[in-house]
Amino acid sequence: MLSSSLLSVVTPMLLVLNCYIIYEYDQDISRWARVLSTAVFFLILLWQNSRSKRFLSAFVLLLISDLLLFYYEFVLGNAAAFIARISAYVLLVLMISPELRQLRTNLFQKFIFVVVLGLNLAMLIMLVGMVPLKFKYPFLDMLFYAYGMSMISMVIAAISYSNRYSNRTSFFFTAATLCLVFSDITSFIAYYLEFSEFYFPDRIFYIMGIAGLVKFSSFSRSHKAVAELGSL
């Protein structure tokens, strides 16, 4: 497939370009590189003729959230960027949720799920508490919690999806979502805790995540659950 070959060429090129720009230029140029990267992957997605409206909408929202980074230092721009990204993650979860309706879990697995969810929520509370006062505004904490919950939901859905189908389609979706989450975490460290070296893993994980989503969209979704992996 032409788009698949194009993806394998474009992805490493964008990784090198973005790392070079982060190293050599200021944050505004770096943000333009991020927007350009998302736009390139979006064009490849359109080339693939993706028919999922939710998936296309999620990708558009990711592109919008990247554009809103130019206004991230303003309250409304910051809030809008959060809302766009939360909406994108929710759409990604909703996109695969119909394929998880028959997922079976036992009591022990439900217990593990609750424990993992609790640990993630505790980490989220800790991260929100680490945001310096100079970045705070009245409803920032609420947006952070909503953002964190959307990430947790996406990871749980992705792992469940991978566990149920255990094929290349589920692998790329899970890998993509995990990369996006790692990107968000390193971005938090880079921006809010002001460790600028974390912009490199942030951008690397982001590009790999977006590329993974495009790759995922190229596979057929007419797959069947693996019988022995049908439970979480």
Protein backbone atom coordinates (compact mmCIF):
# COMPACT_ATOMS: atom_id res chain seq x y z
CA MET A 1 0.00 0.00 0.00
CA LEU A 2 1.40 3.38 -1.05
CA SER A 3 0.26 5.20 2.11
CA SER A 4 1.93 2.55 4.30
CA SER A 5 5.23 2.96 2.46
CA LEU A 6 4.88 6.72 2.68
CA LEU A 7 4.29 6.47 6.42
CA SER A 8 7.47 4.44 6.94
CA VAL A 9 9.48 7.14 5.15
CA VAL A 10 7.77 10.23 6.56
CA THR A 11 7.80 9.18 10.23
CA PRO A 12 11.62 8.98 10.71
CA MET A 13 12.06 12.16 8.68
CA LEU A 14 9.66 14.04 10.94
CA LEU A 15 11.32 12.60 14.05
CA VAL A 16 14.73 13.89 12.96
CA LEU A 17 13.33 17.25 11.81
CA ASN A 18 11.45 17.85 15.05
CA CYS A 19 14.40 16.92 17.27
CA TYR A 20 16.65 19.24 15.27
CA ILE A 21 14.17 22.12 15.52
CA ILE A 22 13.67 21.63 19.27
CA TYR A 23 17.44 21.71 19.74
CA GLU A 24 18.16 24.69 17.48
CA TYR A 25 15.11 26.96 17.66
CA ASP A 26 12.67 28.52 20.10
CA GLN A 27 9.34 27.20 21.30
CA ASP A 28 7.24 28.94 18.64
CA ILE A 29 9.17 27.29 15.81
CA SER A 30 8.95 23.98 17.67
CA ARG A 31 5.18 24.36 17.90
CA TRP A 32 4.99 25.01 14.16
CA ALA A 33 6.98 21.81 13.59
CA ARG A 34 4.43 19.93 15.70
CA VAL A 35 1.51 21.39 13.73
CA LEU A 36 3.24 20.56 10.44
CA SER A 37 3.84 16.98 11.58
CA THR A 38 0.20 16.46 12.57
CA ALA A 39 -0.94 18.03 9.28
CA VAL A 40 1.32 15.70 7.25
CA PHE A 41 -0.09 12.64 9.02
CA PHE A 42 -3.60 13.97 8.52
CA LEU A 43 -2.98 14.23 4.77
CA ILE A 44 -1.74 10.63 4.74
CA LEU A 45 -4.89 9.65 6.63
CA LEU A 46 -7.04 11.36 4.00
CA TRP A 47 -5.02 9.59 1.29
CA GLN A 48 -6.04 6.30 2.91
CA ASN A 49 -9.70 7.30 2.58
CA SER A 50 -10.51 6.58 6.21
CA ARG A 51 -14.28 6.21 6.55
CA SER A 52 -14.55 6.52 10.32
CA LYS A 53 -16.05 9.92 11.10
CA ARG A 54 -15.10 9.60 14.76
CA PHE A 55 -11.49 8.84 13.88
CA LEU A 56 -11.25 11.74 11.44
CA SER A 57 -12.89 14.05 13.98
CA ALA A 58 -10.42 12.92 16.67
CA PHE A 59 -7.53 13.66 14.33
CA VAL A 60 -8.92 17.11 13.50
CA LEU A 61 -9.23 17.82 17.23
CA LEU A 62 -5.60 16.79 17.76
CA LEU A 63 -4.59 19.20 15.00
CA ILE A 64 -6.70 21.96 16.58
CA SER A 65 -5.12 21.32 19.98
CA ASP A 66 -1.68 21.70 18.38
CA LEU A 67 -2.69 25.02 16.84
CA LEU A 68 -4.02 26.19 20.20
CA LEU A 69 -0.56 25.69 21.71
CA PHE A 70 0.32 29.08 20.21
CA TYR A 71 -2.18 30.56 22.71
CA TYR A 72 -1.31 28.19 25.55
CA GLU A 73 -0.02 30.99 27.75
CA PHE A 74 -3.48 32.61 27.72
CA VAL A 75 -6.29 31.23 29.88
CA LEU A 76 -8.82 30.72 27.09
CA GLY A 77 -6.26 29.22 24.71
CA ASN A 78 -4.99 26.91 27.43
CA ALA A 79 -8.49 25.75 28.34
CA ALA A 80 -9.47 25.28 24.69
CA ALA A 81 -6.37 23.15 24.07
CA PHE A 82 -7.30 20.92 27.01
CA ILE A 83 -10.90 20.59 25.82
CA ALA A 84 -9.85 19.75 22.24
CA ARG A 85 -7.48 17.02 23.41
CA ILE A 86 -9.96 15.58 25.92
CA SER A 87 -12.57 15.43 23.15
CA ALA A 88 -10.10 13.69 20.81
CA TYR A 89 -9.31 11.02 23.41
CA VAL A 90 -12.99 10.46 24.19
CA LEU A 91 -13.71 9.99 20.48
CA LEU A 92 -10.91 7.41 20.19
CA VAL A 93 -12.44 5.48 23.09
CA LEU A 94 -15.93 5.68 21.59
CA MET A 95 -14.56 4.50 18.24
CA ILE A 96 -13.47 1.10 19.58
CA SER A 97 -16.04 0.73 22.37
CA PRO A 98 -18.53 -1.21 20.15
CA GLU A 99 -15.85 -3.88 19.69
CA LEU A 100 -15.46 -4.28 23.46
CA ARG A 101 -19.10 -4.93 24.34
CA GLN A 102 -18.57 -8.68 24.70
CA LEU A 103 -15.46 -8.33 26.86
CA ARG A 104 -15.68 -10.69 29.85
CA THR A 105 -14.07 -10.08 33.24
CA ASN A 106 -13.96 -12.10 36.45
CA LEU A 107 -13.91 -10.82 40.03
CA PHE A 108 -10.11 -10.90 40.35
CA GLN A 109 -9.67 -8.97 37.11
CA LYS A 110 -12.19 -6.38 38.29
CA PHE A 111 -10.22 -6.03 41.53
CA ILE A 112 -6.97 -5.49 39.60
CA PHE A 113 -8.76 -2.94 37.42
CA VAL A 114 -9.91 -0.98 40.50
CA VAL A 115 -6.40 -1.06 42.00
CA VAL A 116 -4.78 0.15 38.77
CA LEU A 117 -7.42 2.85 38.36
CA GLY A 118 -6.83 3.99 41.95
CA LEU A 119 -3.06 4.19 41.44
CA ASN A 120 -3.53 6.22 38.26
CA LEU A 121 -5.92 8.59 39.99
CA ALA A 122 -3.46 9.03 42.84
CA MET A 123 -0.71 9.86 40.33
CA LEU A 124 -3.04 12.32 38.59
CA ILE A 125 -3.79 14.09 41.89
CA MET A 126 -0.06 14.25 42.61
CA LEU A 127 0.70 15.75 39.19
CA VAL A 128 -2.05 18.36 39.53
CA GLY A 129 -0.58 19.33 42.90
CA MET A 130 2.83 19.85 41.27
CA VAL A 131 1.61 22.55 38.88
CA PRO A 132 3.35 25.83 39.89
CA LEU A 133 1.09 28.67 41.02
CA LYS A 134 2.14 30.89 38.10
CA PHE A 135 0.34 28.51 35.69
CA LYS A 136 -2.85 28.22 37.74
CA TYR A 137 -6.24 29.67 36.88
CA PRO A 138 -9.67 28.99 38.47
CA PHE A 139 -10.72 25.88 36.51
CA LEU A 140 -7.31 24.46 35.55
CA ASP A 141 -7.51 21.67 38.13
CA MET A 142 -10.89 20.57 36.79
CA LEU A 143 -9.52 20.44 33.24
CA PHE A 144 -6.46 18.52 34.40
CA TYR A 145 -8.64 15.92 36.11
CA ALA A 146 -10.86 15.58 33.03
CA TYR A 147 -7.76 15.33 30.85
CA GLY A 148 -6.24 12.69 33.11
CA MET A 149 -9.45 10.67 33.19
CA SER A 150 -9.69 10.75 29.40
CA MET A 151 -6.11 9.44 29.17
CA ILE A 152 -6.79 6.69 31.72
CA SER A 153 -9.98 5.69 29.86
CA MET A 154 -8.12 5.59 26.57
CA VAL A 155 -5.35 3.36 27.97
CA ILE A 156 -7.84 0.98 29.61
CA ALA A 157 -9.84 0.75 26.38
CA ALA A 158 -6.69 0.22 24.30
CA ILE A 159 -5.32 -2.54 26.53
CA SER A 160 -8.73 -4.23 26.62
CA TYR A 161 -8.91 -3.96 22.83
CA SER A 162 -5.45 -5.49 22.44
CA ASN A 163 -6.26 -8.26 24.90
CA ARG A 164 -9.50 -9.13 23.11
CA TYR A 165 -8.22 -9.21 19.52
CA SER A 166 -4.45 -9.67 19.82
CA ASN A 167 -3.63 -8.75 16.23
CA ARG A 168 -1.79 -6.03 14.31
CA THR A 169 -4.80 -3.72 14.37
CA SER A 170 -5.10 -3.78 18.14
CA PHE A 171 -1.31 -3.65 18.55
CA PHE A 172 -0.96 -0.39 16.62
CA PHE A 173 -3.92 1.20 18.40
CA THR A 174 -2.52 0.26 21.82
CA ALA A 175 1.01 1.36 20.92
CA ALA A 176 -0.32 4.66 19.55
CA THR A 177 -2.40 5.47 22.62
CA LEU A 178 0.45 4.60 25.00
CA CYS A 179 2.80 6.84 23.01
CA LEU A 180 0.29 9.71 23.20
CA VAL A 181 0.00 9.27 26.97
CA PHE A 182 3.80 9.17 27.40
CA SER A 183 3.95 12.30 25.26
CA ASP A 184 1.45 14.04 27.53
CA ILE A 185 3.37 13.07 30.66
CA THR A 186 6.74 14.24 29.31
CA SER A 187 5.08 17.39 27.97
CA PHE A 188 3.77 18.11 31.49
CA ILE A 189 7.29 17.72 32.89
CA ALA A 190 8.79 19.90 30.14
CA TYR A 191 6.26 22.75 30.30
CA TYR A 192 4.91 22.90 33.85
CA LEU A 193 8.00 21.67 35.72
CA GLU A 194 10.28 23.50 33.24
CA PHE A 195 12.64 20.64 32.38
CA SER A 196 13.16 21.60 28.74
CA GLU A 197 15.07 18.41 27.85
CA PHE A 198 11.77 16.53 28.15
CA TYR A 199 10.51 18.26 25.00
CA PHE A 200 12.53 15.69 23.03
CA PRO A 201 10.75 12.56 24.36
CA ASP A 202 7.48 14.50 24.25
CA ARG A 203 7.81 15.09 20.52
CA ILE A 204 9.20 11.63 19.76
CA PHE A 205 6.33 9.90 21.57
CA TYR A 206 3.82 12.26 19.95
CA ILE A 207 4.97 11.60 16.40
CA MET A 208 5.13 7.85 17.00
CA GLY A 209 1.64 7.97 18.51
CA ILE A 210 0.14 9.89 15.60
CA ALA A 211 1.91 7.63 13.10
CA GLY A 212 0.56 4.61 14.97
CA LEU A 213 -2.99 5.94 14.72
CA VAL A 214 -2.61 6.42 10.97
CA LYS A 215 -1.22 2.90 10.64
CA PHE A 216 -4.11 1.54 12.73
CA SER A 217 -6.61 3.21 10.41
CA SER A 218 -5.16 1.36 7.41
CA PHE A 219 -6.23 -2.06 8.75
CA SER A 220 -9.58 -3.73 8.30
CA ARG A 221 -11.74 -3.72 11.44
CA SER A 222 -13.55 -6.95 10.48
CA HIS A 223 -11.57 -9.01 12.99
CA LYS A 224 -12.72 -11.64 15.46
CA ALA A 225 -11.85 -11.92 19.12
CA VAL A 226 -9.28 -14.51 20.10
CA ALA A 227 -11.21 -17.08 22.15
CA GLU A 228 -8.60 -17.60 24.86
CA LEU A 229 -8.02 -13.85 25.14
CA GLY A 230 -11.64 -12.83 25.22
CA SER A 231 -11.47 -11.59 28.81
CA LEU A 232 -9.60 -8.67 30.30
